[in-house]
């Protein structure tokens, strides 16, 4: 039974990569509209042969994923998501659905004239705002900070970014609503 489970894990891992193995260039070149991945489990002494749909991915004309569905080995719903993009191919909408196709969560993103995210809103299934993140940038276009607030506009947390003289991010500090430091991320680079 353990060998069957190990085989299943390997097959599922490979199958999840198959649709994503097609590059955006290949999707565009061959005008791929969608990809369905089916898994066939060979019979063993403990079980019969079984075939099931593992995942389904739908693409737009630019090769971007616009819909993805995943299922477990029994064919039961695991995950269903969709995406929309603006004319610059930036993600503007990401929706998560439940097993009945009802919206559970929607993320909307707005961009500034430089193409950087300026606002991200997370809505519940009824379209009510749950959380808003605002992004702020330096005159050089580097992200300087982000502010996360709840539906009432009350600050949840704030992150501040630090850069070196070359414009490389060196640190991100995140503070709670009271200004207490929660975490520090540091970035280090190796050069050729």
Protein backbone atom coordinates (compact mmCIF):
# COMPACT_ATOMS: atom_id res chain seq x y z
CA UNK A 1 0.00 0.00 0.00
CA UNK A 2 2.88 2.37 0.75
CA UNK A 3 4.30 1.84 -2.75
CA UNK A 4 0.90 2.73 -4.21
CA UNK A 5 0.79 5.92 -2.16
CA UNK A 6 4.35 6.81 -3.13
CA UNK A 7 3.50 6.21 -6.79
CA UNK A 8 0.38 8.35 -6.47
CA UNK A 9 2.33 11.22 -4.89
CA UNK A 10 4.92 11.06 -7.66
CA UNK A 11 2.27 10.91 -10.38
CA UNK A 12 0.34 13.82 -8.92
CA UNK A 13 3.47 15.90 -8.58
CA UNK A 14 4.43 15.24 -12.19
CA UNK A 15 0.91 15.84 -13.50
CA UNK A 16 0.60 19.17 -11.72
CA UNK A 17 3.76 20.26 -13.49
CA UNK A 18 2.68 19.05 -16.93
CA UNK A 19 0.25 21.88 -17.66
CA UNK A 20 2.62 24.37 -16.15
CA UNK A 21 5.48 22.79 -18.11
CA UNK A 22 4.18 24.53 -21.19
CA UNK A 23 5.84 27.91 -21.33
CA UNK A 24 3.83 31.00 -22.11
CA UNK A 25 5.66 31.07 -25.47
CA UNK A 26 4.51 27.53 -26.29
CA UNK A 27 0.94 28.28 -25.22
CA UNK A 28 0.91 31.30 -27.54
CA UNK A 29 2.79 29.59 -30.40
CA UNK A 30 0.45 26.60 -30.53
CA UNK A 31 -2.68 28.57 -29.57
CA UNK A 32 -3.29 26.30 -26.59
CA UNK A 33 -6.68 27.14 -25.12
CA UNK A 34 -6.64 24.66 -22.23
CA UNK A 35 -4.88 21.64 -20.79
CA UNK A 36 -6.52 18.77 -18.92
CA UNK A 37 -4.30 16.43 -16.94
CA UNK A 38 -5.59 12.90 -16.33
CA UNK A 39 -3.86 10.39 -14.10
CA UNK A 40 -4.07 6.65 -14.60
CA UNK A 41 -3.16 4.49 -11.62
CA UNK A 42 -2.11 1.04 -12.73
CA UNK A 43 -3.68 -1.94 -10.99
CA UNK A 44 -1.88 -3.45 -8.03
CA UNK A 45 -2.58 -6.46 -5.86
CA UNK A 46 -4.47 -4.12 -3.52
CA UNK A 47 -6.44 -2.02 -6.02
CA UNK A 48 -7.93 -1.89 -9.50
CA UNK A 49 -6.88 0.45 -12.28
CA UNK A 50 -8.18 3.97 -11.77
CA UNK A 51 -8.23 7.04 -14.01
CA UNK A 52 -9.19 10.50 -12.82
CA UNK A 53 -8.90 14.14 -13.86
CA UNK A 54 -6.17 15.78 -11.80
CA UNK A 55 -6.35 19.33 -13.11
CA UNK A 56 -7.65 21.65 -15.80
CA UNK A 57 -5.95 24.88 -16.86
CA UNK A 58 -7.39 27.47 -19.28
CA UNK A 59 -5.25 30.15 -20.98
CA UNK A 60 -5.90 33.52 -22.61
CA UNK A 61 -4.50 34.53 -26.02
CA UNK A 62 -1.34 35.86 -24.30
CA UNK A 63 -0.58 32.51 -22.67
CA UNK A 64 -1.61 33.62 -19.18
CA UNK A 65 -3.55 31.23 -16.94
CA UNK A 66 -7.13 32.49 -16.61
CA UNK A 67 -8.66 29.49 -14.86
CA UNK A 68 -7.37 26.51 -12.93
CA UNK A 69 -9.18 23.59 -11.32
CA UNK A 70 -7.63 20.80 -9.25
CA UNK A 71 -9.15 17.54 -8.05
CA UNK A 72 -8.09 14.77 -5.67
CA UNK A 73 -7.62 11.09 -6.62
CA UNK A 74 -11.36 10.46 -6.13
CA UNK A 75 -12.27 13.22 -8.55
CA UNK A 76 -13.47 15.46 -5.74
CA UNK A 77 -12.96 19.20 -5.87
CA UNK A 78 -9.73 20.52 -4.37
CA UNK A 79 -9.29 24.03 -5.75
CA UNK A 80 -10.80 26.35 -8.39
CA UNK A 81 -9.35 29.77 -9.21
CA UNK A 82 -9.59 32.36 -11.98
CA UNK A 83 -7.56 35.40 -13.02
CA UNK A 84 -8.04 38.55 -15.12
CA UNK A 85 -5.32 40.80 -16.49
CA UNK A 86 -5.05 44.36 -17.78
CA UNK A 87 -3.64 45.36 -21.20
CA UNK A 88 -0.11 45.21 -19.72
CA UNK A 89 -0.66 41.59 -18.59
CA UNK A 90 -0.73 42.60 -14.91
CA UNK A 91 -3.04 40.54 -12.71
CA UNK A 92 -6.07 42.69 -11.82
CA UNK A 93 -8.40 40.06 -10.40
CA UNK A 94 -7.91 36.71 -8.67
CA UNK A 95 -10.97 34.74 -7.57
CA UNK A 96 -11.15 31.62 -5.41
CA UNK A 97 -14.28 29.47 -5.70
CA UNK A 98 -15.76 26.73 -3.53
CA UNK A 99 -16.76 23.31 -4.85
CA UNK A 100 -20.12 24.69 -6.06
CA UNK A 101 -18.48 27.47 -8.08
CA UNK A 102 -19.48 30.17 -5.61
CA UNK A 103 -16.98 32.96 -5.01
CA UNK A 104 -15.24 32.59 -1.65
CA UNK A 105 -12.61 35.30 -2.00
CA UNK A 106 -11.75 37.94 -4.59
CA UNK A 107 -8.53 39.95 -4.80
CA UNK A 108 -8.54 43.13 -6.91
CA UNK A 109 -5.30 44.93 -7.77
CA UNK A 110 -4.86 48.45 -9.17
CA UNK A 111 -1.61 49.69 -10.72
CA UNK A 112 0.09 53.08 -11.00
CA UNK A 113 1.30 54.58 -14.28
CA UNK A 114 4.68 52.82 -13.87
CA UNK A 115 2.94 49.44 -13.74
CA UNK A 116 3.53 48.88 -10.03
CA UNK A 117 0.72 47.72 -7.72
CA UNK A 118 -0.74 50.68 -5.85
CA UNK A 119 -3.72 49.06 -4.13
CA UNK A 120 -4.88 45.52 -3.44
CA UNK A 121 -8.29 44.77 -1.99
CA UNK A 122 -9.45 41.42 -0.66
CA UNK A 123 -13.21 40.88 -0.72
CA UNK A 124 -15.27 38.05 0.72
CA UNK A 125 -17.73 35.99 -1.31
CA UNK A 126 -20.42 38.63 -0.88
CA UNK A 127 -18.18 41.39 -2.23
CA UNK A 128 -17.56 42.95 1.17
CA UNK A 129 -14.11 44.39 1.79
CA UNK A 130 -12.00 42.33 4.20
CA UNK A 131 -8.58 43.88 3.79
CA UNK A 132 -6.86 46.63 1.78
CA UNK A 133 -3.14 46.99 1.09
CA UNK A 134 -1.73 50.26 -0.22
CA UNK A 135 1.74 50.35 -1.77
CA UNK A 136 4.01 53.40 -1.73
CA UNK A 137 7.12 54.04 -3.84
CA UNK A 138 10.24 56.21 -3.84
CA UNK A 139 10.80 58.70 -6.68
CA UNK A 140 13.07 56.01 -8.21
CA UNK A 141 10.15 53.59 -8.32
CA UNK A 142 11.27 51.30 -5.50
CA UNK A 143 8.62 50.13 -3.05
CA UNK A 144 9.14 52.17 0.13
CA UNK A 145 6.28 50.86 2.25
CA UNK A 146 2.96 49.10 2.33
CA UNK A 147 0.04 49.64 4.64
CA UNK A 148 -2.49 46.87 5.39
CA UNK A 149 -5.85 47.91 6.83
CA UNK A 150 -9.14 46.23 7.62
CA UNK A 151 -12.56 47.00 6.13
CA UNK A 152 -13.06 49.92 8.55
CA UNK A 153 -9.72 51.46 7.52
CA UNK A 154 -8.00 50.51 10.78
CA UNK A 155 -4.32 49.66 10.32
CA UNK A 156 -3.45 45.97 10.70
CA UNK A 157 0.25 46.28 9.91
CA UNK A 158 2.79 48.40 8.05
CA UNK A 159 5.96 47.31 6.26
CA UNK A 160 8.93 49.54 5.43
CA UNK A 161 11.64 48.69 2.88
CA UNK A 162 15.31 49.71 2.89
CA UNK A 163 17.64 49.71 -0.13
CA UNK A 164 21.39 49.99 -0.67
CA UNK A 165 23.16 52.53 -2.93
CA UNK A 166 22.57 50.26 -5.95
CA UNK A 167 18.82 50.18 -5.38
CA UNK A 168 18.82 46.58 -4.13
CA UNK A 169 16.41 45.77 -1.34
CA UNK A 170 18.27 45.08 1.90
CA UNK A 171 15.56 44.95 4.53
CA UNK A 172 11.82 44.76 5.15
CA UNK A 173 10.50 45.58 8.61
CA UNK A 174 6.89 44.87 9.52
CA UNK A 175 5.16 46.65 12.40
CA UNK A 176 1.77 46.06 14.01
CA UNK A 177 -0.90 48.76 14.31
CA UNK A 178 0.73 50.07 17.52
CA UNK A 179 4.10 50.44 15.82
CA UNK A 180 5.71 47.43 17.52
CA UNK A 181 8.22 45.64 15.29
CA UNK A 182 6.88 42.17 14.39
CA UNK A 183 9.49 40.87 11.99
CA UNK A 184 12.57 41.84 10.02
CA UNK A 185 13.50 40.25 6.70
CA UNK A 186 17.02 40.88 5.43
CA UNK A 187 18.21 40.35 1.88
CA UNK A 188 21.79 39.53 0.92
CA UNK A 189 23.16 39.07 -2.58
CA UNK A 190 26.03 37.22 -4.20
CA UNK A 191 27.42 38.55 -7.45
CA UNK A 192 29.30 36.82 -10.25
